[in-house]
PDB file of N, CA and C in Angstrom:
ATOM      1  N   MET A   1      11.890  25.941 -50.476  1.00  0.00           N
ATOM      2  CA  MET A   1      10.550  25.951 -51.000  1.00  0.00           C
ATOM      3  C   MET A   1      10.448  24.896 -52.083  1.00  0.00           C
ATOM      4  N   ARG A   2       9.265  24.456 -52.274  1.00  0.00           N
ATOM      5  CA  ARG A   2       9.060  23.477 -53.330  1.00  0.00           C
ATOM      6  C   ARG A   2       9.431  24.107 -54.676  1.00  0.00           C
ATOM      7  N   PRO A   3       9.643  23.292 -55.678  1.00  0.00           N
ATOM      8  CA  PRO A   3       9.988  23.859 -56.992  1.00  0.00           C
ATOM      9  C   PRO A   3       8.963  24.895 -57.442  1.00  0.00           C
ATOM     10  N   GLU A   4       9.441  25.823 -58.248  1.00  0.00           N
ATOM     11  CA  GLU A   4       8.553  26.886 -58.728  1.00  0.00           C
ATOM     12  C   GLU A   4       7.293  26.291 -59.338  1.00  0.00           C
ATOM     13  N   GLY A   5       6.210  26.978 -59.136  1.00  0.00           N
ATOM     14  CA  GLY A   5       4.954  26.534 -59.709  1.00  0.00           C
ATOM     15  C   GLY A   5       4.130  25.651 -58.798  1.00  0.00           C
ATOM     16  N   ILE A   6       4.685  25.218 -57.652  1.00  0.00           N
ATOM     17  CA  ILE A   6       3.908  24.391 -56.729  1.00  0.00           C
ATOM     18  C   ILE A   6       3.459  25.273 -55.577  1.00  0.00           C
ATOM     19  N   PHE A   7       2.185  25.566 -55.570  1.00  0.00           N
ATOM     20  CA  PHE A   7       1.602  26.427 -54.560  1.00  0.00           C
ATOM     21  C   PHE A   7       0.327  25.807 -54.017  1.00  0.00           C
ATOM     22  N   ASN A   8      -0.076  26.271 -52.861  1.00  0.00           N
ATOM     23  CA  ASN A   8      -1.365  25.874 -52.329  1.00  0.00           C
ATOM     24  C   ASN A   8      -2.459  26.485 -53.188  1.00  0.00           C
ATOM     25  N   ARG A   9      -3.655  26.019 -53.014  1.00  0.00           N
ATOM     26  CA  ARG A   9      -4.784  26.554 -53.781  1.00  0.00           C
ATOM     27  C   ARG A   9      -4.996  28.036 -53.543  1.00  0.00           C
ATOM     28  N   ASP A  10      -4.585  28.507 -52.350  1.00  0.00           N
ATOM     29  CA  ASP A  10      -4.773  29.938 -52.062  1.00  0.00           C
ATOM     30  C   ASP A  10      -3.648  30.792 -52.633  1.00  0.00           C
ATOM     31  N   GLY A  11      -2.702  30.165 -53.319  1.00  0.00           N
ATOM     32  CA  GLY A  11      -1.616  30.899 -53.965  1.00  0.00           C
ATOM     33  C   GLY A  11      -0.370  31.049 -53.129  1.00  0.00           C
ATOM     34  N   SER A  12      -0.401  30.586 -51.882  1.00  0.00           N
ATOM     35  CA  SER A  12       0.778  30.703 -51.027  1.00  0.00           C
ATOM     36  C   SER A  12       1.765  29.581 -51.335  1.00  0.00           C
ATOM     37  N   ALA A  13       3.035  29.887 -51.163  1.00  0.00           N
ATOM     38  CA  ALA A  13       4.085  28.902 -51.412  1.00  0.00           C
ATOM     39  C   ALA A  13       4.166  27.925 -50.244  1.00  0.00           C
ATOM     40  N   ILE A  14       4.687  26.751 -50.496  1.00  0.00           N
ATOM     41  CA  ILE A  14       4.855  25.728 -49.472  1.00  0.00           C
ATOM     42  C   ILE A  14       6.343  25.631 -49.149  1.00  0.00           C
ATOM     43  N   VAL A  15       6.652  25.690 -47.868  1.00  0.00           N
ATOM     44  CA  VAL A  15       8.042  25.594 -47.423  1.00  0.00           C
ATOM     45  C   VAL A  15       8.263  24.209 -46.846  1.00  0.00           C
ATOM     46  N   GLN A  16       9.310  23.533 -47.312  1.00  0.00           N
ATOM     47  CA  GLN A  16       9.700  22.247 -46.749  1.00  0.00           C
ATOM     48  C   GLN A  16      11.079  22.410 -46.137  1.00  0.00           C
ATOM     49  N   LEU A  17      11.214  21.982 -44.899  1.00  0.00           N
ATOM     50  CA  LEU A  17      12.486  22.102 -44.205  1.00  0.00           C
ATOM     51  C   LEU A  17      13.386  20.915 -44.500  1.00  0.00           C
ATOM     52  N   THR A  18      14.668  21.183 -44.544  1.00  0.00           N
ATOM     53  CA  THR A  18      15.653  20.117 -44.635  1.00  0.00           C
ATOM     54  C   THR A  18      15.721  19.444 -43.260  1.00  0.00           C
ATOM     55  N   PRO A  19      16.317  18.275 -43.153  1.00  0.00           N
ATOM     56  CA  PRO A  19      16.466  17.657 -41.825  1.00  0.00           C
ATOM     57  C   PRO A  19      17.192  18.582 -40.836  1.00  0.00           C
ATOM     58  N   ARG A  20      18.213  19.289 -41.304  1.00  0.00           N
ATOM     59  CA  ARG A  20      18.943  20.221 -40.439  1.00  0.00           C
ATOM     60  C   ARG A  20      18.041  21.378 -40.010  1.00  0.00           C
ATOM     61  N   GLY A  21      17.266  21.901 -40.946  1.00  0.00           N
ATOM     62  CA  GLY A  21      16.345  22.993 -40.643  1.00  0.00           C
ATOM     63  C   GLY A  21      15.249  22.558 -39.688  1.00  0.00           C
ATOM     64  N   ARG A  22      14.746  21.345 -39.874  1.00  0.00           N
ATOM     65  CA  ARG A  22      13.702  20.807 -38.991  1.00  0.00           C
ATOM     66  C   ARG A  22      14.244  20.675 -37.570  1.00  0.00           C
ATOM     67  N   SER A  23      15.486  20.203 -37.433  1.00  0.00           N
ATOM     68  CA  SER A  23      16.107  20.053 -36.120  1.00  0.00           C
ATOM     69  C   SER A  23      16.281  21.407 -35.444  1.00  0.00           C
ATOM     70  N   LYS A  24      16.758  22.389 -36.201  1.00  0.00           N
ATOM     71  CA  LYS A  24      16.972  23.727 -35.662  1.00  0.00           C
ATOM     72  C   LYS A  24      15.644  24.371 -35.249  1.00  0.00           C
ATOM     73  N   ALA A  25      14.628  24.236 -36.080  1.00  0.00           N
ATOM     74  CA  ALA A  25      13.306  24.792 -35.764  1.00  0.00           C
ATOM     75  C   ALA A  25      12.722  24.115 -34.523  1.00  0.00           C
ATOM     76  N   GLY A  26      12.881  22.798 -34.430  1.00  0.00           N
ATOM     77  CA  GLY A  26      12.379  22.062 -33.266  1.00  0.00           C
ATOM     78  C   GLY A  26      13.036  22.521 -31.985  1.00  0.00           C
ATOM     79  N   SER A  27      14.322  22.810 -32.055  1.00  0.00           N
ATOM     80  CA  SER A  27      15.061  23.275 -30.884  1.00  0.00           C
ATOM     81  C   SER A  27      14.560  24.651 -30.430  1.00  0.00           C
ATOM     82  N   ILE A  28      14.318  25.534 -31.389  1.00  0.00           N
ATOM     83  CA  ILE A  28      13.818  26.878 -31.075  1.00  0.00           C
ATOM     84  C   ILE A  28      12.415  26.790 -30.475  1.00  0.00           C
ATOM     85  N   ILE A  29      11.572  25.984 -31.086  1.00  0.00           N
ATOM     86  CA  ILE A  29      10.203  25.818 -30.585  1.00  0.00           C
ATOM     87  C   ILE A  29      10.231  25.234 -29.174  1.00  0.00           C
ATOM     88  N   ARG A  30      11.097  24.253 -28.953  1.00  0.00           N
ATOM     89  CA  ARG A  30      11.216  23.627 -27.629  1.00  0.00           C
ATOM     90  C   ARG A  30      11.600  24.650 -26.577  1.00  0.00           C
ATOM     91  N   ARG A  31      12.621  25.456 -26.855  1.00  0.00           N
ATOM     92  CA  ARG A  31      13.067  26.469 -25.893  1.00  0.00           C
ATOM     93  C   ARG A  31      11.963  27.479 -25.603  1.00  0.00           C
ATOM     94  N   HIS A  32      11.266  27.922 -26.647  1.00  0.00           N
ATOM     95  CA  HIS A  32      10.200  28.908 -26.471  1.00  0.00           C
ATOM     96  C   HIS A  32       9.057  28.347 -25.622  1.00  0.00           C
ATOM     97  N   ARG A  33       8.621  27.148 -25.938  1.00  0.00           N
ATOM     98  CA  ARG A  33       7.483  26.559 -25.212  1.00  0.00           C
ATOM     99  C   ARG A  33       7.846  26.178 -23.778  1.00  0.00           C
ATOM    100  N   LEU A  34       9.092  25.752 -23.563  1.00  0.00           N
ATOM    101  CA  LEU A  34       9.528  25.496 -22.186  1.00  0.00           C
ATOM    102  C   LEU A  34       9.582  26.803 -21.396  1.00  0.00           C
ATOM    103  N   ALA A  35      10.017  27.877 -22.038  1.00  0.00           N
ATOM    104  CA  ALA A  35      10.040  29.188 -21.371  1.00  0.00           C
ATOM    105  C   ALA A  35       8.624  29.614 -20.997  1.00  0.00           C
ATOM    106  N   GLU A  36       7.670  29.416 -21.898  1.00  0.00           N
ATOM    107  CA  GLU A  36       6.273  29.743 -21.581  1.00  0.00           C
ATOM    108  C   GLU A  36       5.791  28.937 -20.377  1.00  0.00           C
ATOM    109  N   ARG A  37       6.123  27.661 -20.353  1.00  0.00           N
ATOM    110  CA  ARG A  37       5.707  26.783 -19.255  1.00  0.00           C
ATOM    111  C   ARG A  37       6.365  27.251 -17.954  1.00  0.00           C
ATOM    112  N   LEU A  38       7.644  27.601 -17.996  1.00  0.00           N
ATOM    113  CA  LEU A  38       8.361  28.077 -16.818  1.00  0.00           C
ATOM    114  C   LEU A  38       7.729  29.356 -16.280  1.00  0.00           C
ATOM    115  N   PHE A  39       7.480  30.320 -17.148  1.00  0.00           N
ATOM    116  CA  PHE A  39       6.913  31.595 -16.715  1.00  0.00           C
ATOM    117  C   PHE A  39       5.498  31.423 -16.167  1.00  0.00           C
ATOM    118  N   THR A  40       4.730  30.554 -16.767  1.00  0.00           N
ATOM    119  CA  THR A  40       3.343  30.350 -16.342  1.00  0.00           C
ATOM    120  C   THR A  40       3.259  29.571 -15.040  1.00  0.00           C
ATOM    121  N   ASP A  41       3.957  28.442 -14.977  1.00  0.00           N
ATOM    122  CA  ASP A  41       3.815  27.532 -13.842  1.00  0.00           C
ATOM    123  C   ASP A  41       4.690  27.892 -12.646  1.00  0.00           C
ATOM    124  N   SER A  42       5.928  28.164 -12.899  1.00  0.00           N
ATOM    125  CA  SER A  42       6.861  28.379 -11.785  1.00  0.00           C
ATOM    126  C   SER A  42       6.905  29.824 -11.312  1.00  0.00           C
ATOM    127  N   LEU A  43       6.728  30.759 -12.217  1.00  0.00           N
ATOM    128  CA  LEU A  43       6.810  32.171 -11.853  1.00  0.00           C
ATOM    129  C   LEU A  43       5.440  32.832 -11.753  1.00  0.00           C
ATOM    130  N   ALA A  44       4.381  32.061 -11.985  1.00  0.00           N
ATOM    131  CA  ALA A  44       2.993  32.520 -11.845  1.00  0.00           C
ATOM    132  C   ALA A  44       2.677  33.784 -12.647  1.00  0.00           C
ATOM    133  N   MET A  45       3.298  33.920 -13.796  1.00  0.00           N
ATOM    134  CA  MET A  45       2.951  35.042 -14.668  1.00  0.00           C
ATOM    135  C   MET A  45       1.628  34.706 -15.347  1.00  0.00           C
ATOM    136  N   ASP A  46       0.759  35.703 -15.474  1.00  0.00           N
ATOM    137  CA  ASP A  46      -0.532  35.416 -16.083  1.00  0.00           C
ATOM    138  C   ASP A  46      -0.877  36.324 -17.266  1.00  0.00           C
ATOM    139  N   SER A  47      -0.053  37.295 -17.554  1.00  0.00           N
ATOM    140  CA  SER A  47      -0.287  38.176 -18.694  1.00  0.00           C
ATOM    141  C   SER A  47       0.224  37.488 -19.967  1.00  0.00           C
ATOM    142  N   GLU A  48      -0.699  37.135 -20.854  1.00  0.00           N
ATOM    143  CA  GLU A  48      -0.319  36.442 -22.097  1.00  0.00           C
ATOM    144  C   GLU A  48       0.721  37.224 -22.890  1.00  0.00           C
ATOM    145  N   SER A  49       0.535  38.526 -22.987  1.00  0.00           N
ATOM    146  CA  SER A  49       1.481  39.329 -23.776  1.00  0.00           C
ATOM    147  C   SER A  49       2.862  39.359 -23.121  1.00  0.00           C
ATOM    148  N   GLU A  50       2.891  39.449 -21.796  1.00  0.00           N
ATOM    149  CA  GLU A  50       4.175  39.451 -21.081  1.00  0.00           C
ATOM    150  C   GLU A  50       4.870  38.098 -21.188  1.00  0.00           C
ATOM    151  N   ILE A  51       4.114  37.023 -21.064  1.00  0.00           N
ATOM    152  CA  ILE A  51       4.681  35.674 -21.188  1.00  0.00           C
ATOM    153  C   ILE A  51       5.278  35.485 -22.573  1.00  0.00           C
ATOM    154  N   GLU A  52       4.542  35.865 -23.593  1.00  0.00           N
ATOM    155  CA  GLU A  52       5.013  35.723 -24.981  1.00  0.00           C
ATOM    156  C   GLU A  52       6.259  36.562 -25.223  1.00  0.00           C
ATOM    157  N   GLN A  53       6.234  37.799 -24.760  1.00  0.00           N
ATOM    158  CA  GLN A  53       7.371  38.704 -24.945  1.00  0.00           C
ATOM    159  C   GLN A  53       8.620  38.163 -24.256  1.00  0.00           C
ATOM    160  N   GLN A  54       8.476  37.716 -23.027  1.00  0.00           N
ATOM    161  CA  GLN A  54       9.620  37.202 -22.284  1.00  0.00           C
ATOM    162  C   GLN A  54      10.121  35.872 -22.851  1.00  0.00           C
ATOM    163  N   ALA A  55       9.199  35.002 -23.280  1.00  0.00           N
ATOM    164  CA  ALA A  55       9.603  33.717 -23.875  1.00  0.00           C
ATOM    165  C   ALA A  55      10.408  33.947 -25.147  1.00  0.00           C
ATOM    166  N   CYS A  56      10.013  34.950 -25.940  1.00  0.00           N
ATOM    167  CA  CYS A  56      10.758  35.269 -27.172  1.00  0.00           C
ATOM    168  C   CYS A  56      12.185  35.696 -26.854  1.00  0.00           C
ATOM    169  N   LYS A  57      12.375  36.454 -25.792  1.00  0.00           N
ATOM    170  CA  LYS A  57      13.716  36.876 -25.387  1.00  0.00           C
ATOM    171  C   LYS A  57      14.502  35.699 -24.815  1.00  0.00           C
ATOM    172  N   PHE A  58      13.851  34.932 -23.965  1.00  0.00           N
ATOM    173  CA  PHE A  58      14.491  33.850 -23.226  1.00  0.00           C
ATOM    174  C   PHE A  58      14.979  32.731 -24.134  1.00  0.00           C
ATOM    175  N   GLU A  59      14.212  32.406 -25.173  1.00  0.00           N
ATOM    176  CA  GLU A  59      14.563  31.289 -26.054  1.00  0.00           C
ATOM    177  C   GLU A  59      15.920  31.486 -26.724  1.00  0.00           C
ATOM    178  N   HIS A  60      16.329  32.738 -26.899  1.00  0.00           N
ATOM    179  CA  HIS A  60      17.586  33.033 -27.595  1.00  0.00           C
ATOM    180  C   HIS A  60      18.819  32.904 -26.717  1.00  0.00           C
ATOM    181  N   ILE A  61      18.629  32.915 -25.402  1.00  0.00           N
ATOM    182  CA  ILE A  61      19.799  32.880 -24.520  1.00  0.00           C
ATOM    183  C   ILE A  61      20.016  31.523 -23.857  1.00  0.00           C
ATOM    184  N   LEU A  62      19.094  30.590 -24.056  1.00  0.00           N
ATOM    185  CA  LEU A  62      19.219  29.279 -23.410  1.00  0.00           C
ATOM    186  C   LEU A  62      20.196  28.370 -24.142  1.00  0.00           C
ATOM    187  N   SER A  63      21.129  27.822 -23.409  1.00  0.00           N
ATOM    188  CA  SER A  63      22.040  26.824 -23.965  1.00  0.00           C
ATOM    189  C   SER A  63      21.304  25.483 -23.974  1.00  0.00           C
ATOM    190  N   PRO A  64      21.792  24.502 -24.718  1.00  0.00           N
ATOM    191  CA  PRO A  64      21.170  23.175 -24.678  1.00  0.00           C
ATOM    192  C   PRO A  64      21.148  22.589 -23.261  1.00  0.00           C
ATOM    193  N   GLU A  65      22.205  22.826 -22.499  1.00  0.00           N
ATOM    194  CA  GLU A  65      22.279  22.301 -21.135  1.00  0.00           C
ATOM    195  C   GLU A  65      21.229  22.953 -20.238  1.00  0.00           C
ATOM    196  N   ALA A  66      21.094  24.280 -20.332  1.00  0.00           N
ATOM    197  CA  ALA A  66      20.101  24.993 -19.527  1.00  0.00           C
ATOM    198  C   ALA A  66      18.685  24.578 -19.931  1.00  0.00           C
ATOM    199  N   THR A  67      18.473  24.370 -21.215  1.00  0.00           N
ATOM    200  CA  THR A  67      17.165  23.939 -21.706  1.00  0.00           C
ATOM    201  C   THR A  67      16.790  22.593 -21.106  1.00  0.00           C
ATOM    202  N   ASP A  68      17.736  21.663 -21.107  1.00  0.00           N
ATOM    203  CA  ASP A  68      17.478  20.341 -20.525  1.00  0.00           C
ATOM    204  C   ASP A  68      17.218  20.431 -19.022  1.00  0.00           C
ATOM    205  N   LYS A  69      17.924  21.312 -18.322  1.00  0.00           N
ATOM    206  CA  LYS A  69      17.719  21.478 -16.878  1.00  0.00           C
ATOM    207  C   LYS A  69      16.318  22.039 -16.597  1.00  0.00           C
ATOM    208  N   ILE A  70      15.884  22.993 -17.400  1.00  0.00           N
ATOM    209  CA  ILE A  70      14.545  23.556 -17.238  1.00  0.00           C
ATOM    210  C   ILE A  70      13.498  22.490 -17.530  1.00  0.00           C
ATOM    211  N   CYS A  71      13.713  21.723 -18.578  1.00  0.00           N
ATOM    212  CA  CYS A  71      12.784  20.653 -18.940  1.00  0.00           C
ATOM    213  C   CYS A  71      12.668  19.646 -17.794  1.00  0.00           C
ATOM    214  N   THR A  72      13.798  19.261 -17.221  1.00  0.00           N
ATOM    215  CA  THR A  72      13.799  18.321 -16.098  1.00  0.00           C
ATOM    216  C   THR A  72      13.089  18.925 -14.891  1.00  0.00           C
ATOM    217  N   PHE A  73      13.383  20.180 -14.588  1.00  0.00           N
ATOM    218  CA  PHE A  73      12.744  20.879 -13.470  1.00  0.00           C
ATOM    219  C   PHE A  73      11.225  20.887 -13.626  1.00  0.00           C
ATOM    220  N   LEU A  74      10.766  21.065 -14.851  1.00  0.00           N
ATOM    221  CA  LEU A  74       9.320  21.136 -15.124  1.00  0.00           C
ATOM    222  C   LEU A  74       8.677  19.756 -15.255  1.00  0.00           C
ATOM    223  N   GLY A  75       9.468  18.694 -15.176  1.00  0.00           N
ATOM    224  CA  GLY A  75       8.909  17.342 -15.275  1.00  0.00           C
ATOM    225  C   GLY A  75       8.711  16.868 -16.703  1.00  0.00           C
ATOM    226  N   HIS A  76       9.528  17.381 -17.614  1.00  0.00           N
ATOM    227  CA  HIS A  76       9.472  16.992 -19.028  1.00  0.00           C
ATOM    228  C   HIS A  76       8.050  17.149 -19.584  1.00  0.00           C
ATOM    229  N   PRO A  77       7.513  18.384 -19.547  1.00  0.00           N
ATOM    230  CA  PRO A  77       6.131  18.590 -19.989  1.00  0.00           C
ATOM    231  C   PRO A  77       5.931  18.271 -21.470  1.00  0.00           C
ATOM    232  N   LYS A  78       4.757  17.771 -21.791  1.00  0.00           N
ATOM    233  CA  LYS A  78       4.417  17.429 -23.174  1.00  0.00           C
ATOM    234  C   LYS A  78       3.915  18.634 -23.959  1.00  0.00           C
ATOM    235  N   THR A  79       3.306  19.592 -23.244  1.00  0.00           N
ATOM    236  CA  THR A  79       2.693  20.729 -23.927  1.00  0.00           C
ATOM    237  C   THR A  79       3.031  22.046 -23.253  1.00  0.00           C
ATOM    238  N   CYS A  80       2.903  23.119 -24.024  1.00  0.00           N
ATOM    239  CA  CYS A  80       3.043  24.461 -23.475  1.00  0.00           C
ATOM    240  C   CYS A  80       1.703  24.847 -22.828  1.00  0.00           C
ATOM    241  N   PRO A  81       1.616  25.999 -22.191  1.00  0.00           N
ATOM    242  CA  PRO A  81       0.354  26.390 -21.559  1.00  0.00           C
ATOM    243  C   PRO A  81      -0.831  26.495 -22.530  1.00  0.00           C
ATOM    244  N   HIS A  82      -0.548  26.649 -23.807  1.00  0.00           N
ATOM    245  CA  HIS A  82      -1.617  26.771 -24.812  1.00  0.00           C
ATOM    246  C   HIS A  82      -2.016  25.424 -25.402  1.00  0.00           C
ATOM    247  N   GLY A  83      -1.343  24.348 -24.964  1.00  0.00           N
ATOM    248  CA  GLY A  83      -1.663  23.017 -25.445  1.00  0.00           C
ATOM    249  C   GLY A  83      -0.859  22.553 -26.646  1.00  0.00           C
ATOM    250  N   ALA A  84       0.048  23.389 -27.145  1.00  0.00           N
ATOM    251  CA  ALA A  84       0.895  22.998 -28.274  1.00  0.00           C
ATOM    252  C   ALA A  84       1.984  22.041 -27.781  1.00  0.00           C
ATOM    253  N   PRO A  85       2.338  21.052 -28.589  1.00  0.00           N
ATOM    254  CA  PRO A  85       3.340  20.074 -28.138  1.00  0.00           C
ATOM    255  C   PRO A  85       4.735  20.684 -27.988  1.00  0.00           C
ATOM    256  N   ILE A  86       5.449  20.214 -26.979  1.00  0.00           N
ATOM    257  CA  ILE A  86       6.844  20.605 -26.777  1.00  0.00           C
ATOM    258  C   ILE A  86       7.691  19.457 -27.310  1.00  0.00           C
ATOM    259  N   PRO A  87       8.525  19.722 -28.318  1.00  0.00           N
ATOM    260  CA  PRO A  87       9.379  18.646 -28.831  1.00  0.00           C
ATOM    261  C   PRO A  87      10.261  18.086 -27.718  1.00  0.00           C
ATOM    262  N   PRO A  88      10.342  16.763 -27.590  1.00  0.00           N
ATOM    263  CA  PRO A  88      11.186  16.183 -26.539  1.00  0.00           C
ATOM    264  C   PRO A  88      12.664  16.401 -26.841  1.00  0.00           C
ATOM    265  N   GLY A  89      13.443  16.511 -25.793  1.00  0.00           N
ATOM    266  CA  GLY A  89      14.883  16.659 -25.937  1.00  0.00           C
ATOM    267  C   GLY A  89      15.589  15.413 -25.445  1.00  0.00           C
ATOM    268  N   PRO A  90      16.920  15.429 -25.474  1.00  0.00           N
ATOM    269  CA  PRO A  90      17.691  14.278 -25.022  1.00  0.00           C
ATOM    270  C   PRO A  90      17.417  13.926 -23.558  1.00  0.00           C
ATOM    271  N   CYS A  91      17.079  14.916 -22.745  1.00  0.00           N
ATOM    272  CA  CYS A  91      16.809  14.667 -21.327  1.00  0.00           C
ATOM    273  C   CYS A  91      15.503  13.909 -21.119  1.00  0.00           C
ATOM    274  N   CYS A  92      14.665  13.868 -22.138  1.00  0.00           N
ATOM    275  CA  CYS A  92      13.354  13.208 -22.020  1.00  0.00           C
ATOM    276  C   CYS A  92      13.417  11.724 -22.354  1.00  0.00           C
ATOM    277  N   GLN A  93      14.552  11.244 -22.861  1.00  0.00           N
ATOM    278  CA  GLN A  93      14.686   9.840 -23.237  1.00  0.00           C
ATOM    279  C   GLN A  93      14.388   8.943 -22.044  1.00  0.00           C
ATOM    280  N   GLY A  94      13.397   8.078 -22.195  1.00  0.00           N
ATOM    281  CA  GLY A  94      13.060   7.118 -21.153  1.00  0.00           C
ATOM    282  C   GLY A  94      12.350   7.702 -19.952  1.00  0.00           C
ATOM    283  N   LYS A  95      11.983   8.973 -19.998  1.00  0.00           N
ATOM    284  CA  LYS A  95      11.298   9.617 -18.872  1.00  0.00           C
ATOM    285  C   LYS A  95       9.806   9.661 -19.144  1.00  0.00           C
ATOM    286  N   VAL A  96       9.041   9.633 -18.088  1.00  0.00           N
ATOM    287  CA  VAL A  96       7.599   9.841 -18.202  1.00  0.00           C
ATOM    288  C   VAL A  96       7.402  11.346 -18.309  1.00  0.00           C
ATOM    289  N   ARG A  97       6.790  11.762 -19.399  1.00  0.00           N
ATOM    290  CA  ARG A  97       6.584  13.193 -19.615  1.00  0.00           C
ATOM    291  C   ARG A  97       5.226  13.601 -19.056  1.00  0.00           C
ATOM    292  N   SER A  98       5.225  14.651 -18.257  1.00  0.00           N
ATOM    293  CA  SER A  98       3.992  15.110 -17.623  1.00  0.00           C
ATOM    294  C   SER A  98       3.120  15.890 -18.595  1.00  0.00           C
ATOM    295  N   GLU A  99       1.826  15.807 -18.366  1.00  0.00           N
ATOM    296  CA  GLU A  99       0.884  16.596 -19.164  1.00  0.00           C
ATOM    297  C   GLU A  99       0.990  18.058 -18.770  1.00  0.00           C
ATOM    298  N   ASP A 100       1.294  18.302 -17.496  1.00  0.00           N
ATOM    299  CA  ASP A 100       1.393  19.654 -16.976  1.00  0.00           C
ATOM    300  C   ASP A 100       2.787  19.868 -16.407  1.00  0.00           C
ATOM    301  N   SER A 101       2.920  20.842 -15.538  1.00  0.00           N
ATOM    302  CA  SER A 101       4.229  21.197 -15.026  1.00  0.00           C
ATOM    303  C   SER A 101       4.728  20.244 -13.948  1.00  0.00           C
ATOM    304  N   ALA A 102       5.988  20.414 -13.577  1.00  0.00           N
ATOM    305  CA  ALA A 102       6.601  19.620 -12.518  1.00  0.00           C
ATOM    306  C   ALA A 102       5.911  19.885 -11.186  1.00  0.00           C
ATOM    307  N   ILE A 103       5.375  21.071 -11.032  1.00  0.00           N
ATOM    308  CA  ILE A 103       4.719  21.416  -9.771  1.00  0.00           C
ATOM    309  C   ILE A 103       3.537  20.487  -9.555  1.00  0.00           C
ATOM    310  N   ILE A 104       2.748  20.265 -10.591  1.00  0.00           N
ATOM    311  CA  ILE A 104       1.605  19.371 -10.494  1.00  0.00           C
ATOM    312  C   ILE A 104       2.094  17.930 -10.323  1.00  0.00           C
ATOM    313  N   SER A 105       3.089  17.534 -11.109  1.00  0.00           N
ATOM    314  CA  SER A 105       3.618  16.177 -11.046  1.00  0.00           C
ATOM    315  C   SER A 105       4.228  15.894  -9.673  1.00  0.00           C
ATOM    316  N   GLU A 106       4.941  16.876  -9.132  1.00  0.00           N
ATOM    317  CA  GLU A 106       5.581  16.714  -7.841  1.00  0.00           C
ATOM    318  C   GLU A 106       4.532  16.551  -6.740  1.00  0.00           C
ATOM    319  N   THR A 107       3.469  17.338  -6.813  1.00  0.00           N
ATOM    320  CA  THR A 107       2.402  17.255  -5.843  1.00  0.00           C
ATOM    321  C   THR A 107       1.726  15.883  -5.917  1.00  0.00           C
ATOM    322  N   ALA A 108       1.461  15.416  -7.126  1.00  0.00           N
ATOM    323  CA  ALA A 108       0.817  14.111  -7.305  1.00  0.00           C
ATOM    324  C   ALA A 108       1.708  12.988  -6.781  1.00  0.00           C
ATOM    325  N   ALA A 109       3.027  13.131  -6.947  1.00  0.00           N
ATOM    326  CA  ALA A 109       3.958  12.090  -6.504  1.00  0.00           C
ATOM    327  C   ALA A 109       3.983  11.967  -4.981  1.00  0.00           C
ATOM    328  N   LYS A 110       3.725  13.064  -4.271  1.00  0.00           N
ATOM    329  CA  LYS A 110       3.748  13.056  -2.804  1.00  0.00           C
ATOM    330  C   LYS A 110       2.490  12.456  -2.214  1.00  0.00           C
ATOM    331  N   VAL A 111       1.413  12.416  -2.994  1.00  0.00           N
ATOM    332  CA  VAL A 111       0.120  11.923  -2.474  1.00  0.00           C
ATOM    333  C   VAL A 111       0.097  10.437  -2.396  1.00  0.00           C
TER     334      VAL A 111
END
């Protein structure tokens, strides 16, 4: 947190992440949002509460390798189903990242 006495106008404290903390948070967010994309696009789940609940569980068990494989399978999506950005991973280096899922990208590539 910022030094004592530095707060927002509403009285809430401001949290600043260290580079290590930012990296760790980005990794967690990436896994969660990729899980949401997987459940929505590939598994056709449509219950928002179920998708959120399952993504929260799934993000904790994914290894970096499995995360990259899911990202590749989905076509390196830029956003989750809600439009929030998915942080790129090492597998995304030099790849064209799709706006939507691999299913849409794959279909477009065949046309």
